C-alpha atoms as a PDB file:
ATOM      1  CA  MET A   1       1.944   5.345   4.530  1.00  0.00           C
ATOM      2  CA  GLU A   2       1.071   8.031   6.442  1.00  0.00           C
ATOM      3  CA  LYS A   3       4.287   9.552   6.285  1.00  0.00           C
ATOM      4  CA  TYR A   4       4.249   9.685   2.861  1.00  0.00           C
ATOM      5  CA  ALA A   5       0.550  11.821   3.003  1.00  0.00           C
ATOM      6  CA  ARG A   6       2.220  14.171   4.812  1.00  0.00           C
ATOM      7  CA  GLN A   7       5.092  14.362   3.293  1.00  0.00           C
ATOM      8  CA  ALA A   8       3.586  15.197   0.210  1.00  0.00           C
ATOM      9  CA  ILE A   9       1.051  17.710   1.766  1.00  0.00           C
ATOM     10  CA  ALA A  10       4.357  19.537   3.236  1.00  0.00           C
ATOM     11  CA  GLU A  11       5.370  19.011  -0.295  1.00  0.00           C
ATOM     12  CA  GLY A  12       2.602  21.907  -1.586  1.00  0.00           C
ATOM     13  CA  CYS A  13       0.423  18.651  -3.449  1.00  0.00           C
ATOM     14  CA  LYS A  14      -3.199  20.448  -4.035  1.00  0.00           C
ATOM     15  CA  SER A  15      -5.001  17.148  -5.466  1.00  0.00           C
ATOM     16  CA  ILE A  16      -5.002  13.172  -4.821  1.00  0.00           C
ATOM     17  CA  ASP A  17      -4.923  12.601  -9.015  1.00  0.00           C
ATOM     18  CA  ASP A  18      -0.618  14.779  -8.502  1.00  0.00           C
ATOM     19  CA  LEU A  19       0.075  11.249  -5.830  1.00  0.00           C
ATOM     20  CA  VAL A  20       1.226   8.633  -8.242  1.00  0.00           C
ATOM     21  CA  VAL A  21       3.080   5.915  -7.189  1.00  0.00           C
ATOM     22  CA  THR A  22       4.820   3.577 -10.086  1.00  0.00           C
ATOM     23  CA  THR A  23       7.217   0.354  -9.884  1.00  0.00           C
ATOM     24  CA  GLU A  24       9.500   2.907  -9.031  1.00  0.00           C
ATOM     25  CA  SER A  25       8.365   4.529  -6.677  1.00  0.00           C
ATOM     26  CA  GLU A  26      10.018   4.978  -3.197  1.00  0.00           C
ATOM     27  CA  LEU A  27       7.084   4.277  -0.543  1.00  0.00           C
ATOM     28  CA  TYR A  28       6.591   0.780  -3.928  1.00  0.00           C
ATOM     29  CA  ARG A  29       9.819  -0.088  -3.156  1.00  0.00           C
ATOM     30  CA  VAL A  30      10.001   0.542   0.650  1.00  0.00           C
ATOM     31  CA  LEU A  31       6.711  -1.245   1.370  1.00  0.00           C
ATOM     32  CA  ASN A  32       7.869  -4.409  -1.445  1.00  0.00           C
ATOM     33  CA  LEU A  33      11.668  -4.475   0.328  1.00  0.00           C
ATOM     34  CA  HIS A  34       9.660  -4.889   3.862  1.00  0.00           C
ATOM     35  CA  TYR A  35       7.207  -7.316   2.872  1.00  0.00           C
ATOM     36  CA  ASN A  36       9.300  -9.202  -0.008  1.00  0.00           C
ATOM     37  CA  ARG A  37      12.539  -8.868   1.799  1.00  0.00           C
ATOM     38  CA  ASN A  38      14.404 -11.014  -0.673  1.00  0.00           C
ATOM     39  CA  ASN A  39      12.542 -10.576  -3.414  1.00  0.00           C
ATOM     40  CA  GLN A  40      11.032 -14.222  -3.864  1.00  0.00           C
ATOM     41  CA  ILE A  41       7.360 -13.586  -4.494  1.00  0.00           C
ATOM     42  CA  GLU A  42       6.698 -12.194  -7.601  1.00  0.00           C
ATOM     43  CA  VAL A  43       4.812  -8.716  -6.631  1.00  0.00           C
ATOM     44  CA  PRO A  44       1.226  -8.503  -8.124  1.00  0.00           C
ATOM     45  CA  ASP A  45       0.078  -5.963 -10.447  1.00  0.00           C
ATOM     46  CA  ASN A  46      -2.492  -4.609  -7.978  1.00  0.00           C
ATOM     47  CA  PHE A  47       0.220  -4.248  -5.739  1.00  0.00           C
ATOM     48  CA  ARG A  48       0.788  -1.023  -7.016  1.00  0.00           C
ATOM     49  CA  ILE A  49      -2.662   0.486  -7.657  1.00  0.00           C
ATOM     50  CA  VAL A  50      -3.407   0.044  -3.985  1.00  0.00           C
ATOM     51  CA  VAL A  51       0.038   1.750  -2.533  1.00  0.00           C
ATOM     52  CA  GLN A  52      -1.354   4.402  -4.816  1.00  0.00           C
ATOM     53  CA  ALA A  53      -5.473   3.658  -3.544  1.00  0.00           C
ATOM     54  CA  THR A  54      -3.961   3.908   0.056  1.00  0.00           C
ATOM     55  CA  LEU A  55      -1.817   6.832  -0.319  1.00  0.00           C
ATOM     56  CA  ARG A  56      -4.464   9.066  -1.561  1.00  0.00           C
ATOM     57  CA  GLU A  57      -6.896   7.872   1.159  1.00  0.00           C
ATOM     58  CA  PHE A  58      -4.711   8.909   3.523  1.00  0.00           C
ATOM     59  CA  TYR A  59      -4.148  12.247   1.947  1.00  0.00           C
ATOM     60  CA  LYS A  60      -7.796  12.904   1.538  1.00  0.00           C
ATOM     61  CA  SER A  61      -8.183  12.372   5.645  1.00  0.00           C
ATOM     62  CA  ILE A  62      -5.389  14.614   6.624  1.00  0.00           C
ATOM     63  CA  VAL A  63      -6.480  16.513   4.545  1.00  0.00           C
ATOM     64  CA  ALA A  64     -10.031  17.141   5.826  1.00  0.00           C
ATOM     65  CA  CYS A  65      -8.429  17.129   9.376  1.00  0.00           C
ATOM     66  CA  LYS A  66      -9.440  13.346  10.353  1.00  0.00           C
ATOM     67  CA  ASP A  67      -6.335  12.534  11.561  1.00  0.00           C
ATOM     68  CA  SER A  68      -7.435  14.652  14.232  1.00  0.00           C
ATOM     69  CA  GLU A  69     -10.835  12.081  15.505  1.00  0.00           C
ATOM     70  CA  PRO A  70     -10.018   8.737  17.293  1.00  0.00           C
ATOM     71  CA  SER A  71     -10.126   5.725  14.738  1.00  0.00           C
ATOM     72  CA  TRP A  72      -9.757   7.692  11.622  1.00  0.00           C
ATOM     73  CA  LYS A  73      -7.506   5.304  10.282  1.00  0.00           C
ATOM     74  CA  LYS A  74     -10.658   2.192  10.385  1.00  0.00           C
ATOM     75  CA  ALA A  75     -12.396   4.832   8.100  1.00  0.00           C
ATOM     76  CA  ILE A  76      -9.230   3.799   5.058  1.00  0.00           C
ATOM     77  CA  TYR A  77      -8.885   0.608   5.494  1.00  0.00           C
ATOM     78  CA  LYS A  78     -12.430  -0.782   5.197  1.00  0.00           C
ATOM     79  CA  VAL A  79     -11.977   1.205   2.239  1.00  0.00           C
ATOM     80  CA  ILE A  80      -8.150  -0.425   1.036  1.00  0.00           C
ATOM     81  CA  ALA A  81      -9.516  -4.091   2.663  1.00  0.00           C
ATOM     82  CA  ARG A  82     -12.125  -4.180  -0.290  1.00  0.00           C
ATOM     83  CA  MET A  83      -9.059  -4.202  -2.997  1.00  0.00           C
ATOM     84  CA  ASP A  84      -7.819  -7.296  -1.963  1.00  0.00           C
ATOM     85  CA  ASP A  85      -7.305 -10.156  -3.941  1.00  0.00           C
ATOM     86  CA  SER A  86      -7.662 -13.411  -2.658  1.00  0.00           C
ATOM     87  CA  LEU A  87      -5.105 -15.216  -1.568  1.00  0.00           C
ATOM     88  CA  PRO A  88      -2.478 -17.573  -4.208  1.00  0.00           C
ATOM     89  CA  GLU A  89      -2.913 -21.420  -3.308  1.00  0.00           C
ATOM     90  CA  TYR A  90       0.482 -22.049  -2.220  1.00  0.00           C
ATOM     91  CA  PHE A  91       0.158 -19.503   0.097  1.00  0.00           C
ATOM     92  CA  LYS A  92      -2.266 -22.102   1.493  1.00  0.00           C
ATOM     93  CA  SER A  93       0.541 -24.621   2.498  1.00  0.00           C
ATOM     94  CA  PRO A  94       1.871 -25.763   5.500  1.00  0.00           C
ATOM     95  CA  ASN A  95       5.535 -25.368   3.417  1.00  0.00           C
ATOM     96  CA  TRP A  96       4.687 -22.700   0.803  1.00  0.00           C
ATOM     97  CA  MET A  97       8.143 -21.789   1.258  1.00  0.00           C
ATOM     98  CA  ASP A  98      10.001 -24.775   0.465  1.00  0.00           C
ATOM     99  CA  GLN A  99       8.173 -23.891  -3.221  1.00  0.00           C
ATOM    100  CA  LEU A 100       9.744 -20.637  -3.500  1.00  0.00           C
ATOM    101  CA  GLY A 101      12.359 -22.441  -5.701  1.00  0.00           C
ATOM    102  CA  ASP A 102       9.393 -23.901  -7.737  1.00  0.00           C
ATOM    103  CA  MET A 103       8.026 -19.989  -8.752  1.00  0.00           C
END
């Protein structure tokens, strides 16, 4: 995430409103591939919104030079944690991987 925020700054991005994440964005695809390697789980609609918000939080912190402070990412994680969805019930089952074919 930090890499993409720094890349946007290097490319001349001046406003967080210019940082838009779509389902076709490289960042979205990279994260989905990392966490959902075989595309077995349907990606929640909120995922794109959280990815975009996270990118914007990193951008704001870097532009404000907060990245020179120790533990600067903690403030970002606190903001993003408030956006967490509750864990779907099927993940709570010890055999949740077996249930993927039924979804």
